[in-house]
Amino acid sequence: MIVLLKDTNKRTIVSAMGPSRFQDDLTLVFLKKVWFEELSEPVSFVADIMDGEEHGRELWFRAMKGEYGPMEIILMDFKDFRKARETGAA
């Protein structure tokens, strides 16, 4: 017997707003608000071009095309931000 499980991670994108990314990183896009059909409230979301979930990749592509408004560029290198977080400075 084959049992098909419902994909609980699948999300249907309704809309998004407030995209930003670090100046030296093109793989991550931070979205201030994302609305999904499956959720009752908007959520903040980090879209990743390498995301294992289709909705993460779709959000990244649409944000990079400007569908969710102009991209804010964070004037800090991502590697510097990670280093600051590791040392507790951020």
PDB file of N, CA and C in Angstrom:
ATOM      1  N   MET A   1       0.836  -1.173   0.000  1.00  0.00           N
ATOM      2  CA  MET A   1       0.000   0.000   0.000  1.00  0.00           C
ATOM      3  C   MET A   1       0.890   1.247   0.000  1.00  0.00           C
ATOM      4  N   ILE A   2       0.562   2.191  -0.853  1.00  0.00           N
ATOM      5  CA  ILE A   2       1.296   3.454  -0.930  1.00  0.00           C
ATOM      6  C   ILE A   2       0.455   4.536  -0.265  1.00  0.00           C
ATOM      7  N   VAL A   3       1.076   5.259   0.676  1.00  0.00           N
ATOM      8  CA  VAL A   3       0.386   6.348   1.348  1.00  0.00           C
ATOM      9  C   VAL A   3       1.079   7.645   0.961  1.00  0.00           C
ATOM     10  N   LEU A   4       0.318   8.577   0.418  1.00  0.00           N
ATOM     11  CA  LEU A   4       0.870   9.870   0.046  1.00  0.00           C
ATOM     12  C   LEU A   4       0.613  10.851   1.180  1.00  0.00           C
ATOM     13  N   LEU A   5       1.678  11.484   1.647  1.00  0.00           N
ATOM     14  CA  LEU A   5       1.553  12.458   2.717  1.00  0.00           C
ATOM     15  C   LEU A   5       1.412  13.846   2.133  1.00  0.00           C
ATOM     16  N   LYS A   6       0.555  14.637   2.727  1.00  0.00           N
ATOM     17  CA  LYS A   6       0.376  16.016   2.288  1.00  0.00           C
ATOM     18  C   LYS A   6       1.647  16.802   2.611  1.00  0.00           C
ATOM     19  N   ASP A   7       2.116  17.588   1.651  1.00  0.00           N
ATOM     20  CA  ASP A   7       3.311  18.414   1.840  1.00  0.00           C
ATOM     21  C   ASP A   7       2.940  19.603   2.725  1.00  0.00           C
ATOM     22  N   THR A   8       3.302  19.538   3.999  1.00  0.00           N
ATOM     23  CA  THR A   8       2.937  20.596   4.944  1.00  0.00           C
ATOM     24  C   THR A   8       3.812  21.838   4.800  1.00  0.00           C
ATOM     25  N   ASN A   9       4.924  21.732   4.088  1.00  0.00           N
ATOM     26  CA  ASN A   9       5.808  22.880   3.905  1.00  0.00           C
ATOM     27  C   ASN A   9       5.461  23.698   2.670  1.00  0.00           C
ATOM     28  N   LYS A  10       4.602  23.185   1.831  1.00  0.00           N
ATOM     29  CA  LYS A  10       4.251  23.898   0.605  1.00  0.00           C
ATOM     30  C   LYS A  10       3.446  25.141   0.950  1.00  0.00           C
ATOM     31  N   ARG A  11       3.848  26.265   0.388  1.00  0.00           N
ATOM     32  CA  ARG A  11       3.180  27.540   0.655  1.00  0.00           C
ATOM     33  C   ARG A  11       2.777  28.184  -0.666  1.00  0.00           C
ATOM     34  N   THR A  12       1.602  28.825  -0.664  1.00  0.00           N
ATOM     35  CA  THR A  12       1.113  29.555  -1.818  1.00  0.00           C
ATOM     36  C   THR A  12       1.313  31.038  -1.541  1.00  0.00           C
ATOM     37  N   ILE A  13       2.125  31.697  -2.350  1.00  0.00           N
ATOM     38  CA  ILE A  13       2.463  33.107  -2.153  1.00  0.00           C
ATOM     39  C   ILE A  13       1.289  33.973  -2.593  1.00  0.00           C
ATOM     40  N   VAL A  14       0.885  34.893  -1.707  1.00  0.00           N
ATOM     41  CA  VAL A  14      -0.140  35.868  -2.046  1.00  0.00           C
ATOM     42  C   VAL A  14       0.540  37.177  -2.431  1.00  0.00           C
ATOM     43  N   SER A  15       1.454  37.639  -1.593  1.00  0.00           N
ATOM     44  CA  SER A  15       2.148  38.896  -1.840  1.00  0.00           C
ATOM     45  C   SER A  15       3.349  38.998  -0.905  1.00  0.00           C
ATOM     46  N   ALA A  16       4.177  40.010  -1.143  1.00  0.00           N
ATOM     47  CA  ALA A  16       5.329  40.266  -0.285  1.00  0.00           C
ATOM     48  C   ALA A  16       5.716  41.737  -0.412  1.00  0.00           C
ATOM     49  N   MET A  17       6.504  42.214   0.556  1.00  0.00           N
ATOM     50  CA  MET A  17       6.956  43.603   0.502  1.00  0.00           C
ATOM     51  C   MET A  17       8.250  43.761   1.298  1.00  0.00           C
ATOM     52  N   GLY A  18       8.948  44.857   1.008  1.00  0.00           N
ATOM     53  CA  GLY A  18      10.134  45.230   1.761  1.00  0.00           C
ATOM     54  C   GLY A  18      11.364  44.381   1.532  1.00  0.00           C
ATOM     55  N   PRO A  19      11.770  44.172   0.264  1.00  0.00           N
ATOM     56  CA  PRO A  19      12.970  43.357   0.026  1.00  0.00           C
ATOM     57  C   PRO A  19      14.263  44.119   0.329  1.00  0.00           C
ATOM     58  N   SER A  20      15.232  43.396   0.874  1.00  0.00           N
ATOM     59  CA  SER A  20      16.565  43.963   1.093  1.00  0.00           C
ATOM     60  C   SER A  20      17.589  42.838   0.999  1.00  0.00           C
ATOM     61  N   ARG A  21      18.834  43.236   0.745  1.00  0.00           N
ATOM     62  CA  ARG A  21      19.929  42.253   0.688  1.00  0.00           C
ATOM     63  C   ARG A  21      21.231  42.955   1.050  1.00  0.00           C
ATOM     64  N   PHE A  22      22.219  42.173   1.452  1.00  0.00           N
ATOM     65  CA  PHE A  22      23.541  42.716   1.728  1.00  0.00           C
ATOM     66  C   PHE A  22      24.226  43.066   0.412  1.00  0.00           C
ATOM     67  N   GLN A  23      25.083  44.080   0.442  1.00  0.00           N
ATOM     68  CA  GLN A  23      25.727  44.562  -0.783  1.00  0.00           C
ATOM     69  C   GLN A  23      26.602  43.513  -1.461  1.00  0.00           C
ATOM     70  N   ASP A  24      27.145  42.582  -0.698  1.00  0.00           N
ATOM     71  CA  ASP A  24      28.062  41.599  -1.282  1.00  0.00           C
ATOM     72  C   ASP A  24      27.437  40.215  -1.436  1.00  0.00           C
ATOM     73  N   ASP A  25      26.124  40.101  -1.217  1.00  0.00           N
ATOM     74  CA  ASP A  25      25.496  38.783  -1.253  1.00  0.00           C
ATOM     75  C   ASP A  25      24.260  38.810  -2.142  1.00  0.00           C
ATOM     76  N   LEU A  26      24.256  37.972  -3.147  1.00  0.00           N
ATOM     77  CA  LEU A  26      23.110  37.879  -4.050  1.00  0.00           C
ATOM     78  C   LEU A  26      22.279  36.624  -3.813  1.00  0.00           C
ATOM     79  N   THR A  27      22.632  35.829  -2.806  1.00  0.00           N
ATOM     80  CA  THR A  27      21.909  34.576  -2.587  1.00  0.00           C
ATOM     81  C   THR A  27      20.739  34.719  -1.630  1.00  0.00           C
ATOM     82  N   LEU A  28      20.760  35.711  -0.732  1.00  0.00           N
ATOM     83  CA  LEU A  28      19.693  35.885   0.249  1.00  0.00           C
ATOM     84  C   LEU A  28      18.976  37.208   0.037  1.00  0.00           C
ATOM     85  N   VAL A  29      17.651  37.176   0.137  1.00  0.00           N
ATOM     86  CA  VAL A  29      16.830  38.384   0.107  1.00  0.00           C
ATOM     87  C   VAL A  29      15.943  38.347   1.338  1.00  0.00           C
ATOM     88  N   PHE A  30      15.988  39.411   2.112  1.00  0.00           N
ATOM     89  CA  PHE A  30      15.173  39.536   3.319  1.00  0.00           C
ATOM     90  C   PHE A  30      13.887  40.274   2.941  1.00  0.00           C
ATOM     91  N   LEU A  31      12.753  39.700   3.291  1.00  0.00           N
ATOM     92  CA  LEU A  31      11.463  40.318   3.002  1.00  0.00           C
ATOM     93  C   LEU A  31      10.784  40.679   4.322  1.00  0.00           C
ATOM     94  N   LYS A  32      10.386  41.946   4.463  1.00  0.00           N
ATOM     95  CA  LYS A  32       9.775  42.391   5.723  1.00  0.00           C
ATOM     96  C   LYS A  32       8.466  41.673   5.996  1.00  0.00           C
ATOM     97  N   LYS A  33       7.650  41.485   4.961  1.00  0.00           N
ATOM     98  CA  LYS A  33       6.377  40.786   5.124  1.00  0.00           C
ATOM     99  C   LYS A  33       6.094  39.929   3.894  1.00  0.00           C
ATOM    100  N   VAL A  34       5.641  38.719   4.165  1.00  0.00           N
ATOM    101  CA  VAL A  34       5.188  37.815   3.107  1.00  0.00           C
ATOM    102  C   VAL A  34       3.845  37.245   3.549  1.00  0.00           C
ATOM    103  N   TRP A  35       2.891  37.281   2.638  1.00  0.00           N
ATOM    104  CA  TRP A  35       1.576  36.706   2.882  1.00  0.00           C
ATOM    105  C   TRP A  35       1.485  35.393   2.123  1.00  0.00           C
ATOM    106  N   PHE A  36       1.114  34.332   2.855  1.00  0.00           N
ATOM    107  CA  PHE A  36       0.862  33.017   2.268  1.00  0.00           C
ATOM    108  C   PHE A  36      -0.600  32.652   2.499  1.00  0.00           C
ATOM    109  N   GLU A  37      -1.214  31.971   1.535  1.00  0.00           N
ATOM    110  CA  GLU A  37      -2.608  31.533   1.688  1.00  0.00           C
ATOM    111  C   GLU A  37      -2.784  30.649   2.918  1.00  0.00           C
ATOM    112  N   GLU A  38      -1.780  29.870   3.248  1.00  0.00           N
ATOM    113  CA  GLU A  38      -1.906  28.886   4.320  1.00  0.00           C
ATOM    114  C   GLU A  38      -1.741  29.480   5.725  1.00  0.00           C
ATOM    115  N   LEU A  39      -1.318  30.736   5.820  1.00  0.00           N
ATOM    116  CA  LEU A  39      -1.089  31.360   7.126  1.00  0.00           C
ATOM    117  C   LEU A  39      -2.066  32.511   7.342  1.00  0.00           C
ATOM    118  N   SER A  40      -2.475  32.716   8.575  1.00  0.00           N
ATOM    119  CA  SER A  40      -3.465  33.758   8.870  1.00  0.00           C
ATOM    120  C   SER A  40      -2.854  35.149   8.980  1.00  0.00           C
ATOM    121  N   GLU A  41      -1.539  35.233   9.188  1.00  0.00           N
ATOM    122  CA  GLU A  41      -0.858  36.524   9.325  1.00  0.00           C
ATOM    123  C   GLU A  41       0.398  36.550   8.458  1.00  0.00           C
ATOM    124  N   PRO A  42       0.825  37.753   8.044  1.00  0.00           N
ATOM    125  CA  PRO A  42       2.082  37.827   7.283  1.00  0.00           C
ATOM    126  C   PRO A  42       3.272  37.488   8.177  1.00  0.00           C
ATOM    127  N   VAL A  43       4.347  37.043   7.559  1.00  0.00           N
ATOM    128  CA  VAL A  43       5.572  36.685   8.276  1.00  0.00           C
ATOM    129  C   VAL A  43       6.765  37.359   7.612  1.00  0.00           C
ATOM    130  N   SER A  44       7.818  37.595   8.374  1.00  0.00           N
ATOM    131  CA  SER A  44       9.086  37.999   7.754  1.00  0.00           C
ATOM    132  C   SER A  44       9.705  36.729   7.179  1.00  0.00           C
ATOM    133  N   PHE A  45      10.525  36.893   6.125  1.00  0.00           N
ATOM    134  CA  PHE A  45      11.000  35.712   5.407  1.00  0.00           C
ATOM    135  C   PHE A  45      12.353  36.010   4.792  1.00  0.00           C
ATOM    136  N   VAL A  46      13.253  35.033   4.831  1.00  0.00           N
ATOM    137  CA  VAL A  46      14.531  35.122   4.129  1.00  0.00           C
ATOM    138  C   VAL A  46      14.450  34.192   2.929  1.00  0.00           C
ATOM    139  N   ALA A  47      14.406  34.786   1.740  1.00  0.00           N
ATOM    140  CA  ALA A  47      14.335  34.016   0.499  1.00  0.00           C
ATOM    141  C   ALA A  47      15.757  33.677   0.049  1.00  0.00           C
ATOM    142  N   ASP A  48      15.927  32.440  -0.370  1.00  0.00           N
ATOM    143  CA  ASP A  48      17.247  31.932  -0.739  1.00  0.00           C
ATOM    144  C   ASP A  48      17.147  31.288  -2.120  1.00  0.00           C
ATOM    145  N   ILE A  49      18.048  31.684  -3.010  1.00  0.00           N
ATOM    146  CA  ILE A  49      18.050  31.103  -4.358  1.00  0.00           C
ATOM    147  C   ILE A  49      18.279  29.589  -4.315  1.00  0.00           C
ATOM    148  N   MET A  50      18.915  29.095  -3.258  1.00  0.00           N
ATOM    149  CA  MET A  50      19.217  27.668  -3.130  1.00  0.00           C
ATOM    150  C   MET A  50      18.222  26.952  -2.210  1.00  0.00           C
ATOM    151  N   ASP A  51      17.111  27.584  -1.901  1.00  0.00           N
ATOM    152  CA  ASP A  51      16.117  27.024  -0.975  1.00  0.00           C
ATOM    153  C   ASP A  51      15.617  25.671  -1.473  1.00  0.00           C
ATOM    154  N   GLY A  52      15.415  24.772  -0.566  1.00  0.00           N
ATOM    155  CA  GLY A  52      14.883  23.458  -0.911  1.00  0.00           C
ATOM    156  C   GLY A  52      13.394  23.482  -1.209  1.00  0.00           C
ATOM    157  N   GLU A  53      12.734  24.564  -0.811  1.00  0.00           N
ATOM    158  CA  GLU A  53      11.301  24.710  -1.056  1.00  0.00           C
ATOM    159  C   GLU A  53      11.069  25.670  -2.231  1.00  0.00           C
ATOM    160  N   GLU A  54      10.133  25.307  -3.085  1.00  0.00           N
ATOM    161  CA  GLU A  54       9.874  26.105  -4.286  1.00  0.00           C
ATOM    162  C   GLU A  54       9.463  27.542  -3.951  1.00  0.00           C
ATOM    163  N   HIS A  55       8.653  27.729  -2.905  1.00  0.00           N
ATOM    164  CA  HIS A  55       8.183  29.079  -2.593  1.00  0.00           C
ATOM    165  C   HIS A  55       9.339  30.002  -2.173  1.00  0.00           C
ATOM    166  N   GLY A  56      10.383  29.456  -1.562  1.00  0.00           N
ATOM    167  CA  GLY A  56      11.555  30.260  -1.202  1.00  0.00           C
ATOM    168  C   GLY A  56      12.306  30.740  -2.432  1.00  0.00           C
ATOM    169  N   ARG A  57      12.496  29.855  -3.389  1.00  0.00           N
ATOM    170  CA  ARG A  57      13.165  30.235  -4.641  1.00  0.00           C
ATOM    171  C   ARG A  57      12.314  31.225  -5.438  1.00  0.00           C
ATOM    172  N   GLU A  58      10.998  30.995  -5.478  1.00  0.00           N
ATOM    173  CA  GLU A  58      10.108  31.890  -6.210  1.00  0.00           C
ATOM    174  C   GLU A  58      10.123  33.292  -5.599  1.00  0.00           C
ATOM    175  N   LEU A  59      10.078  33.385  -4.275  1.00  0.00           N
ATOM    176  CA  LEU A  59      10.148  34.692  -3.617  1.00  0.00           C
ATOM    177  C   LEU A  59      11.451  35.395  -3.968  1.00  0.00           C
ATOM    178  N   TRP A  60      12.566  34.653  -3.985  1.00  0.00           N
ATOM    179  CA  TRP A  60      13.871  35.240  -4.315  1.00  0.00           C
ATOM    180  C   TRP A  60      13.832  35.820  -5.735  1.00  0.00           C
ATOM    181  N   PHE A  61      13.392  35.019  -6.717  1.00  0.00           N
ATOM    182  CA  PHE A  61      13.375  35.479  -8.111  1.00  0.00           C
ATOM    183  C   PHE A  61      12.469  36.692  -8.287  1.00  0.00           C
ATOM    184  N   ARG A  62      11.287  36.648  -7.709  1.00  0.00           N
ATOM    185  CA  ARG A  62      10.348  37.758  -7.868  1.00  0.00           C
ATOM    186  C   ARG A  62      10.857  39.021  -7.175  1.00  0.00           C
ATOM    187  N   ALA A  63      11.504  38.867  -6.025  1.00  0.00           N
ATOM    188  CA  ALA A  63      12.076  40.039  -5.332  1.00  0.00           C
ATOM    189  C   ALA A  63      13.220  40.639  -6.148  1.00  0.00           C
ATOM    190  N   MET A  64      14.067  39.793  -6.724  1.00  0.00           N
ATOM    191  CA  MET A  64      15.184  40.286  -7.527  1.00  0.00           C
ATOM    192  C   MET A  64      14.697  40.986  -8.799  1.00  0.00           C
ATOM    193  N   LYS A  65      13.527  40.595  -9.311  1.00  0.00           N
ATOM    194  CA  LYS A  65      12.954  41.252 -10.494  1.00  0.00           C
ATOM    195  C   LYS A  65      12.249  42.554 -10.137  1.00  0.00           C
ATOM    196  N   GLY A  66      12.094  42.825  -8.839  1.00  0.00           N
ATOM    197  CA  GLY A  66      11.465  44.066  -8.413  1.00  0.00           C
ATOM    198  C   GLY A  66       9.965  43.995  -8.205  1.00  0.00           C
ATOM    199  N   GLU A  67       9.399  42.809  -8.200  1.00  0.00           N
ATOM    200  CA  GLU A  67       7.945  42.667  -8.054  1.00  0.00           C
ATOM    201  C   GLU A  67       7.431  43.128  -6.691  1.00  0.00           C
ATOM    202  N   TYR A  68       8.298  43.131  -5.680  1.00  0.00           N
ATOM    203  CA  TYR A  68       7.867  43.484  -4.328  1.00  0.00           C
ATOM    204  C   TYR A  68       8.367  44.863  -3.904  1.00  0.00           C
ATOM    205  N   GLY A  69       8.749  45.673  -4.878  1.00  0.00           N
ATOM    206  CA  GLY A  69       9.253  47.006  -4.595  1.00  0.00           C
ATOM    207  C   GLY A  69      10.757  47.070  -4.798  1.00  0.00           C
ATOM    208  N   PRO A  70      11.316  48.280  -4.667  1.00  0.00           N
ATOM    209  CA  PRO A  70      12.752  48.435  -4.870  1.00  0.00           C
ATOM    210  C   PRO A  70      13.553  47.696  -3.800  1.00  0.00           C
ATOM    211  N   MET A  71      14.667  47.143  -4.232  1.00  0.00           N
ATOM    212  CA  MET A  71      15.549  46.400  -3.333  1.00  0.00           C
ATOM    213  C   MET A  71      16.367  47.383  -2.498  1.00  0.00           C
ATOM    214  N   GLU A  72      16.290  47.260  -1.187  1.00  0.00           N
ATOM    215  CA  GLU A  72      17.154  48.051  -0.303  1.00  0.00           C
ATOM    216  C   GLU A  72      18.484  47.312  -0.174  1.00  0.00           C
ATOM    217  N   ILE A  73      19.568  48.019  -0.399  1.00  0.00           N
ATOM    218  CA  ILE A  73      20.886  47.415  -0.274  1.00  0.00           C
ATOM    219  C   ILE A  73      21.438  47.744   1.111  1.00  0.00           C
ATOM    220  N   ILE A  74      21.749  46.709   1.875  1.00  0.00           N
ATOM    221  CA  ILE A  74      22.320  46.878   3.207  1.00  0.00           C
ATOM    222  C   ILE A  74      23.806  47.146   3.035  1.00  0.00           C
ATOM    223  N   LEU A  75      24.241  48.326   3.463  1.00  0.00           N
ATOM    224  CA  LEU A  75      25.621  48.758   3.227  1.00  0.00           C
ATOM    225  C   LEU A  75      26.573  48.157   4.251  1.00  0.00           C
ATOM    226  N   MET A  76      26.607  46.852   4.254  1.00  0.00           N
ATOM    227  CA  MET A  76      27.519  46.077   5.087  1.00  0.00           C
ATOM    228  C   MET A  76      27.736  44.769   4.356  1.00  0.00           C
ATOM    229  N   ASP A  77      28.927  44.268   4.408  1.00  0.00           N
ATOM    230  CA  ASP A  77      29.187  42.972   3.789  1.00  0.00           C
ATOM    231  C   ASP A  77      28.586  41.882   4.670  1.00  0.00           C
ATOM    232  N   PHE A  78      27.973  40.880   4.044  1.00  0.00           N
ATOM    233  CA  PHE A  78      27.355  39.790   4.789  1.00  0.00           C
ATOM    234  C   PHE A  78      28.381  39.068   5.646  1.00  0.00           C
ATOM    235  N   LYS A  79      29.591  38.883   5.110  1.00  0.00           N
ATOM    236  CA  LYS A  79      30.625  38.183   5.885  1.00  0.00           C
ATOM    237  C   LYS A  79      30.992  38.970   7.140  1.00  0.00           C
ATOM    238  N   ASP A  80      30.976  40.309   7.073  1.00  0.00           N
ATOM    239  CA  ASP A  80      31.247  41.133   8.256  1.00  0.00           C
ATOM    240  C   ASP A  80      30.107  41.031   9.257  1.00  0.00           C
ATOM    241  N   PHE A  81      28.869  40.973   8.752  1.00  0.00           N
ATOM    242  CA  PHE A  81      27.707  40.821   9.617  1.00  0.00           C
ATOM    243  C   PHE A  81      27.775  39.489  10.355  1.00  0.00           C
ATOM    244  N   ARG A  82      28.098  38.414   9.636  1.00  0.00           N
ATOM    245  CA  ARG A  82      28.205  37.090  10.276  1.00  0.00           C
ATOM    246  C   ARG A  82      29.289  37.090  11.334  1.00  0.00           C
ATOM    247  N   LYS A  83      30.424  37.716  11.018  1.00  0.00           N
ATOM    248  CA  LYS A  83      31.519  37.765  11.982  1.00  0.00           C
ATOM    249  C   LYS A  83      31.093  38.544  13.234  1.00  0.00           C
ATOM    250  N   ALA A  84      30.401  39.655  13.055  1.00  0.00           N
ATOM    251  CA  ALA A  84      29.924  40.453  14.197  1.00  0.00           C
ATOM    252  C   ALA A  84      28.943  39.660  15.041  1.00  0.00           C
ATOM    253  N   ARG A  85      28.067  38.896  14.395  1.00  0.00           N
ATOM    254  CA  ARG A  85      27.105  38.085  15.155  1.00  0.00           C
ATOM    255  C   ARG A  85      27.809  37.006  15.948  1.00  0.00           C
ATOM    256  N   GLU A  86      28.851  36.400  15.367  1.00  0.00           N
ATOM    257  CA  GLU A  86      29.578  35.335  16.058  1.00  0.00           C
ATOM    258  C   GLU A  86      30.309  35.868  17.285  1.00  0.00           C
ATOM    259  N   THR A  87      30.769  37.102  17.225  1.00  0.00           N
ATOM    260  CA  THR A  87      31.500  37.679  18.356  1.00  0.00           C
ATOM    261  C   THR A  87      30.586  38.438  19.320  1.00  0.00           C
ATOM    262  N   GLY A  88      29.274  38.509  18.965  1.00  0.00           N
ATOM    263  CA  GLY A  88      28.323  39.188  19.826  1.00  0.00           C
ATOM    264  C   GLY A  88      28.262  40.685  19.645  1.00  0.00           C
ATOM    265  N   ALA A  89      28.880  41.202  18.600  1.00  0.00           N
ATOM    266  CA  ALA A  89      28.909  42.642  18.368  1.00  0.00           C
ATOM    267  C   ALA A  89      27.676  43.140  17.622  1.00  0.00           C
ATOM    268  N   ALA A  90      26.877  42.246  17.065  1.00  0.00           N
ATOM    269  CA  ALA A  90      25.680  42.688  16.322  1.00  0.00           C
ATOM    270  C   ALA A  90      24.423  42.149  16.964  1.00  0.00           C
TER     271      ALA A  90
END
